[in-house]
Amino acid sequence: MKSLVAPIICAVVYAVVFSCAQAEEISIENRERLTRQEKSGLRHYERGNYAEAFESLSATAVRGMKRSQFYLAYMFFKGQHVEQSVLLGMGWLGVAIESGEPEWIELYQSLYQRIPPEQHALIDAKVAQYVEKYGMVTQHVSCSRRPAAGSRRIESLCVKAIDKSYPIHPVETRPNQGAP
């Protein structure tokens, strides 16, 4: 009996250590993959390849990547590869401003003031819904402000936690009836 206990304990310890190491590698790979996917989406957007941009940016936006959320907002505002929708654009912009990026906040406030007051409740509800699904808390993202590399400009740097699980919700592509 004693001769079996030591090998069993060693096997259990090995399995636990090995499974933890695998999980960490997978998590790190996912963060790096998300960063590469977001950069690819931004390149596609800049080149006017909106279908490819939407595919990449929507996959990273639903995982809390703030720059992806900002560009997805633009795509909805302009109707680039998606049905034009102020409501969905404001939803994505509203969740993107969690980053604290002053230019994005200013844009959101400016657009919000131009929307008829009777539409504000609809916008507020959509932003709250998107923050709940795609926001920093749910998606385990943290943002900080720092100087951009090689520049005096201050930028927001948002990082997704690698050791947390998070839900993935699909991107809504059509606004509700009667929405702006």
C-alpha atoms as a PDB file:
ATOM      1  CA  MET A   1       0.000   0.000   0.000  1.00  0.00           C
ATOM      2  CA  LYS A   2       2.801   2.412   0.984  1.00  0.00           C
ATOM      3  CA  SER A   3       4.523   1.756  -2.324  1.00  0.00           C
ATOM      4  CA  LEU A   4       1.441   3.039  -4.214  1.00  0.00           C
ATOM      5  CA  VAL A   5       0.890   6.218  -2.179  1.00  0.00           C
ATOM      6  CA  ALA A   6       4.071   8.049  -3.205  1.00  0.00           C
ATOM      7  CA  PRO A   7       3.598   7.516  -6.973  1.00  0.00           C
ATOM      8  CA  ILE A   8      -0.049   8.559  -6.741  1.00  0.00           C
ATOM      9  CA  ILE A   9       0.817  11.746  -4.831  1.00  0.00           C
ATOM     10  CA  CYS A  10       3.566  12.532  -7.345  1.00  0.00           C
ATOM     11  CA  ALA A  11       1.168  11.960 -10.241  1.00  0.00           C
ATOM     12  CA  VAL A  12      -1.468  14.264  -8.705  1.00  0.00           C
ATOM     13  CA  VAL A  13       1.090  16.999  -7.974  1.00  0.00           C
ATOM     14  CA  TYR A  14       2.498  16.693 -11.516  1.00  0.00           C
ATOM     15  CA  ALA A  15      -0.991  16.896 -13.036  1.00  0.00           C
ATOM     16  CA  VAL A  16      -1.905  19.977 -10.995  1.00  0.00           C
ATOM     17  CA  VAL A  17       1.365  21.780 -11.785  1.00  0.00           C
ATOM     18  CA  PHE A  18       1.194  20.823 -15.473  1.00  0.00           C
ATOM     19  CA  SER A  19      -2.449  21.893 -15.845  1.00  0.00           C
ATOM     20  CA  CYS A  20      -1.740  25.266 -14.190  1.00  0.00           C
ATOM     21  CA  ALA A  21       1.203  25.877 -16.503  1.00  0.00           C
ATOM     22  CA  GLN A  22      -0.931  25.035 -19.525  1.00  0.00           C
ATOM     23  CA  ALA A  23      -3.720  27.364 -18.423  1.00  0.00           C
ATOM     24  CA  GLU A  24      -1.302  30.258 -17.979  1.00  0.00           C
ATOM     25  CA  GLU A  25       0.227  29.731 -21.419  1.00  0.00           C
ATOM     26  CA  ILE A  26      -3.204  29.625 -22.998  1.00  0.00           C
ATOM     27  CA  SER A  27      -4.222  32.839 -21.222  1.00  0.00           C
ATOM     28  CA  ILE A  28      -1.074  34.678 -22.297  1.00  0.00           C
ATOM     29  CA  GLU A  29      -1.537  33.449 -25.846  1.00  0.00           C
ATOM     30  CA  ASN A  30      -5.124  34.709 -25.811  1.00  0.00           C
ATOM     31  CA  ARG A  31      -4.121  38.221 -24.728  1.00  0.00           C
ATOM     32  CA  GLU A  32      -1.429  38.361 -27.392  1.00  0.00           C
ATOM     33  CA  ARG A  33      -3.848  36.941 -29.973  1.00  0.00           C
ATOM     34  CA  LEU A  34      -6.445  39.569 -29.038  1.00  0.00           C
ATOM     35  CA  THR A  35      -3.869  42.327 -29.399  1.00  0.00           C
ATOM     36  CA  ARG A  36      -2.799  41.013 -32.824  1.00  0.00           C
ATOM     37  CA  GLN A  37      -6.436  40.641 -33.896  1.00  0.00           C
ATOM     38  CA  GLU A  38      -7.225  44.205 -32.808  1.00  0.00           C
ATOM     39  CA  LYS A  39      -4.201  45.575 -34.694  1.00  0.00           C
ATOM     40  CA  SER A  40      -5.250  43.619 -37.763  1.00  0.00           C
ATOM     41  CA  GLY A  41      -8.765  45.060 -37.508  1.00  0.00           C
ATOM     42  CA  LEU A  42      -7.387  48.594 -37.207  1.00  0.00           C
ATOM     43  CA  ARG A  43      -5.185  48.066 -40.297  1.00  0.00           C
ATOM     44  CA  HIS A  44      -8.195  46.777 -42.238  1.00  0.00           C
ATOM     45  CA  TYR A  45     -10.229  49.787 -41.098  1.00  0.00           C
ATOM     46  CA  GLU A  46      -7.533  52.254 -42.169  1.00  0.00           C
ATOM     47  CA  ARG A  47      -7.380  50.571 -45.609  1.00  0.00           C
ATOM     48  CA  GLY A  48     -11.154  50.730 -46.021  1.00  0.00           C
ATOM     49  CA  ASN A  49     -11.608  46.960 -45.788  1.00  0.00           C
ATOM     50  CA  TYR A  50     -14.656  47.322 -43.577  1.00  0.00           C
ATOM     51  CA  ALA A  51     -15.893  43.721 -43.733  1.00  0.00           C
ATOM     52  CA  GLU A  52     -12.529  42.417 -42.493  1.00  0.00           C
ATOM     53  CA  ALA A  53     -12.269  45.262 -39.983  1.00  0.00           C
ATOM     54  CA  PHE A  54     -15.713  44.475 -38.588  1.00  0.00           C
ATOM     55  CA  GLU A  55     -14.873  40.786 -38.215  1.00  0.00           C
ATOM     56  CA  SER A  56     -11.675  41.461 -36.244  1.00  0.00           C
ATOM     57  CA  LEU A  57     -12.850  44.482 -34.275  1.00  0.00           C
ATOM     58  CA  SER A  58     -16.160  42.967 -33.217  1.00  0.00           C
ATOM     59  CA  ALA A  59     -14.342  39.858 -31.915  1.00  0.00           C
ATOM     60  CA  THR A  60     -12.052  42.006 -29.771  1.00  0.00           C
ATOM     61  CA  ALA A  61     -14.664  44.626 -28.803  1.00  0.00           C
ATOM     62  CA  VAL A  62     -16.898  42.016 -27.180  1.00  0.00           C
ATOM     63  CA  ARG A  63     -13.895  41.003 -25.086  1.00  0.00           C
ATOM     64  CA  GLY A  64     -13.514  44.528 -23.714  1.00  0.00           C
ATOM     65  CA  MET A  65     -10.796  45.926 -25.985  1.00  0.00           C
ATOM     66  CA  LYS A  66     -11.486  49.677 -25.822  1.00  0.00           C
ATOM     67  CA  ARG A  67      -9.887  50.788 -29.097  1.00  0.00           C
ATOM     68  CA  SER A  68     -11.916  48.123 -30.916  1.00  0.00           C
ATOM     69  CA  GLN A  69     -15.061  49.404 -29.227  1.00  0.00           C
ATOM     70  CA  PHE A  70     -14.272  52.947 -30.326  1.00  0.00           C
ATOM     71  CA  TYR A  71     -13.762  51.952 -33.974  1.00  0.00           C
ATOM     72  CA  LEU A  72     -16.867  49.774 -33.926  1.00  0.00           C
ATOM     73  CA  ALA A  73     -18.785  52.862 -32.769  1.00  0.00           C
ATOM     74  CA  TYR A  74     -17.470  54.747 -35.808  1.00  0.00           C
ATOM     75  CA  MET A  75     -18.497  51.926 -38.104  1.00  0.00           C
ATOM     76  CA  PHE A  76     -22.061  52.125 -36.796  1.00  0.00           C
ATOM     77  CA  PHE A  77     -22.150  55.933 -36.948  1.00  0.00           C
ATOM     78  CA  LYS A  78     -20.985  55.888 -40.580  1.00  0.00           C
ATOM     79  CA  GLY A  79     -22.728  52.702 -41.727  1.00  0.00           C
ATOM     80  CA  GLN A  80     -19.449  51.058 -42.740  1.00  0.00           C
ATOM     81  CA  HIS A  81     -20.261  47.385 -43.457  1.00  0.00           C
ATOM     82  CA  VAL A  82     -23.156  47.611 -40.973  1.00  0.00           C
ATOM     83  CA  GLU A  83     -26.534  49.294 -40.972  1.00  0.00           C
ATOM     84  CA  GLN A  84     -25.985  52.885 -39.873  1.00  0.00           C
ATOM     85  CA  SER A  85     -27.192  53.346 -36.291  1.00  0.00           C
ATOM     86  CA  VAL A  86     -26.676  56.218 -33.883  1.00  0.00           C
ATOM     87  CA  LEU A  87     -28.048  54.025 -31.084  1.00  0.00           C
ATOM     88  CA  LEU A  88     -25.539  51.216 -31.568  1.00  0.00           C
ATOM     89  CA  GLY A  89     -22.732  53.694 -32.228  1.00  0.00           C
ATOM     90  CA  MET A  90     -23.505  55.487 -28.967  1.00  0.00           C
ATOM     91  CA  GLY A  91     -23.642  52.127 -27.183  1.00  0.00           C
ATOM     92  CA  TRP A  92     -20.144  51.222 -28.354  1.00  0.00           C
ATOM     93  CA  LEU A  93     -18.775  54.713 -27.778  1.00  0.00           C
ATOM     94  CA  GLY A  94     -20.382  54.767 -24.320  1.00  0.00           C
ATOM     95  CA  VAL A  95     -18.599  51.586 -23.278  1.00  0.00           C
ATOM     96  CA  ALA A  96     -15.320  52.676 -24.934  1.00  0.00           C
ATOM     97  CA  ILE A  97     -15.154  55.844 -22.814  1.00  0.00           C
ATOM     98  CA  GLU A  98     -14.650  53.722 -19.708  1.00  0.00           C
ATOM     99  CA  SER A  99     -11.003  53.942 -20.784  1.00  0.00           C
ATOM    100  CA  GLY A 100     -10.928  57.588 -19.706  1.00  0.00           C
ATOM    101  CA  GLU A 101      -9.673  58.744 -23.120  1.00  0.00           C
ATOM    102  CA  PRO A 102     -10.544  62.494 -23.043  1.00  0.00           C
ATOM    103  CA  GLU A 103     -11.094  62.828 -26.809  1.00  0.00           C
ATOM    104  CA  TRP A 104     -13.567  59.947 -26.784  1.00  0.00           C
ATOM    105  CA  ILE A 105     -15.401  61.356 -23.771  1.00  0.00           C
ATOM    106  CA  GLU A 106     -15.623  64.764 -25.445  1.00  0.00           C
ATOM    107  CA  LEU A 107     -16.960  63.172 -28.634  1.00  0.00           C
ATOM    108  CA  TYR A 108     -19.552  61.177 -26.684  1.00  0.00           C
ATOM    109  CA  GLN A 109     -20.740  64.257 -24.789  1.00  0.00           C
ATOM    110  CA  SER A 110     -20.895  66.335 -27.957  1.00  0.00           C
ATOM    111  CA  LEU A 111     -22.930  63.712 -29.818  1.00  0.00           C
ATOM    112  CA  TYR A 112     -25.189  63.110 -26.827  1.00  0.00           C
ATOM    113  CA  GLN A 113     -26.068  66.816 -26.648  1.00  0.00           C
ATOM    114  CA  ARG A 114     -27.073  66.785 -30.324  1.00  0.00           C
ATOM    115  CA  ILE A 115     -29.471  63.880 -29.879  1.00  0.00           C
ATOM    116  CA  PRO A 116     -33.060  64.928 -29.143  1.00  0.00           C
ATOM    117  CA  PRO A 117     -33.722  64.713 -25.379  1.00  0.00           C
ATOM    118  CA  GLU A 118     -36.580  62.263 -25.909  1.00  0.00           C
ATOM    119  CA  GLN A 119     -33.974  59.766 -27.225  1.00  0.00           C
ATOM    120  CA  HIS A 120     -31.632  60.092 -24.217  1.00  0.00           C
ATOM    121  CA  ALA A 121     -33.317  57.342 -22.193  1.00  0.00           C
ATOM    122  CA  LEU A 122     -32.891  54.929 -25.105  1.00  0.00           C
ATOM    123  CA  ILE A 123     -29.210  55.841 -25.460  1.00  0.00           C
ATOM    124  CA  ASP A 124     -28.649  55.586 -21.693  1.00  0.00           C
ATOM    125  CA  ALA A 125     -30.230  52.125 -21.618  1.00  0.00           C
ATOM    126  CA  LYS A 126     -28.098  50.917 -24.556  1.00  0.00           C
ATOM    127  CA  VAL A 127     -24.892  52.229 -22.976  1.00  0.00           C
ATOM    128  CA  ALA A 128     -25.789  50.562 -19.662  1.00  0.00           C
ATOM    129  CA  GLN A 129     -26.488  47.298 -21.496  1.00  0.00           C
ATOM    130  CA  TYR A 130     -23.144  47.456 -23.327  1.00  0.00           C
ATOM    131  CA  VAL A 131     -21.215  48.358 -20.170  1.00  0.00           C
ATOM    132  CA  GLU A 132     -22.790  45.365 -18.446  1.00  0.00           C
ATOM    133  CA  LYS A 133     -21.842  43.009 -21.311  1.00  0.00           C
ATOM    134  CA  TYR A 134     -18.613  44.465 -22.692  1.00  0.00           C
ATOM    135  CA  GLY A 135     -17.407  46.783 -19.929  1.00  0.00           C
ATOM    136  CA  MET A 136     -14.225  46.784 -17.912  1.00  0.00           C
ATOM    137  CA  VAL A 137     -15.666  44.963 -14.894  1.00  0.00           C
ATOM    138  CA  THR A 138     -17.352  42.145 -16.819  1.00  0.00           C
ATOM    139  CA  GLN A 139     -14.481  41.692 -19.279  1.00  0.00           C
ATOM    140  CA  HIS A 140     -11.709  42.137 -16.645  1.00  0.00           C
ATOM    141  CA  VAL A 141      -9.994  45.049 -18.361  1.00  0.00           C
ATOM    142  CA  SER A 142      -8.032  47.773 -16.600  1.00  0.00           C
ATOM    143  CA  CYS A 143      -6.977  51.077 -18.152  1.00  0.00           C
ATOM    144  CA  SER A 144      -4.373  53.649 -17.189  1.00  0.00           C
ATOM    145  CA  ARG A 145      -3.068  56.871 -18.726  1.00  0.00           C
ATOM    146  CA  ARG A 146       0.613  57.136 -19.697  1.00  0.00           C
ATOM    147  CA  PRO A 147       2.863  58.880 -22.215  1.00  0.00           C
ATOM    148  CA  ALA A 148       2.769  57.297 -25.667  1.00  0.00           C
ATOM    149  CA  ALA A 149       6.006  55.634 -26.702  1.00  0.00           C
ATOM    150  CA  GLY A 150       8.353  58.234 -28.192  1.00  0.00           C
ATOM    151  CA  SER A 151       5.865  61.073 -27.698  1.00  0.00           C
ATOM    152  CA  ARG A 152       4.645  63.631 -25.190  1.00  0.00           C
ATOM    153  CA  ARG A 153       1.069  62.689 -25.956  1.00  0.00           C
ATOM    154  CA  ILE A 154      -0.728  60.893 -23.142  1.00  0.00           C
ATOM    155  CA  GLU A 155      -2.669  57.776 -24.136  1.00  0.00           C
ATOM    156  CA  SER A 156      -4.899  55.253 -22.474  1.00  0.00           C
ATOM    157  CA  LEU A 157      -3.432  51.793 -22.131  1.00  0.00           C
ATOM    158  CA  CYS A 158      -6.008  49.095 -21.481  1.00  0.00           C
ATOM    159  CA  VAL A 159      -5.009  45.574 -20.505  1.00  0.00           C
ATOM    160  CA  LYS A 160      -7.145  42.456 -20.230  1.00  0.00           C
ATOM    161  CA  ALA A 161      -6.522  40.190 -17.244  1.00  0.00           C
ATOM    162  CA  ILE A 162      -5.133  36.827 -18.287  1.00  0.00           C
ATOM    163  CA  ASP A 163      -6.325  34.790 -15.342  1.00  0.00           C
ATOM    164  CA  LYS A 164     -10.045  35.572 -15.377  1.00  0.00           C
ATOM    165  CA  SER A 165     -12.959  34.042 -17.203  1.00  0.00           C
ATOM    166  CA  TYR A 166     -15.425  36.298 -18.967  1.00  0.00           C
ATOM    167  CA  PRO A 167     -18.622  35.973 -20.977  1.00  0.00           C
ATOM    168  CA  ILE A 168     -18.693  36.578 -24.715  1.00  0.00           C
ATOM    169  CA  HIS A 169     -21.855  38.150 -26.098  1.00  0.00           C
ATOM    170  CA  PRO A 170     -22.497  38.579 -29.831  1.00  0.00           C
ATOM    171  CA  VAL A 171     -22.431  41.995 -31.475  1.00  0.00           C
ATOM    172  CA  GLU A 172     -25.852  43.494 -32.055  1.00  0.00           C
ATOM    173  CA  THR A 173     -25.968  44.613 -35.679  1.00  0.00           C
ATOM    174  CA  ARG A 174     -29.485  45.998 -35.980  1.00  0.00           C
ATOM    175  CA  PRO A 175     -31.020  48.660 -33.740  1.00  0.00           C
ATOM    176  CA  ASN A 176     -34.456  48.270 -32.182  1.00  0.00           C
ATOM    177  CA  GLN A 177     -37.395  49.703 -34.074  1.00  0.00           C
ATOM    178  CA  GLY A 178     -37.811  53.436 -33.513  1.00  0.00           C
ATOM    179  CA  ALA A 179     -34.185  53.886 -32.469  1.00  0.00           C
ATOM    180  CA  PRO A 180     -32.099  56.785 -33.763  1.00  0.00           C
END
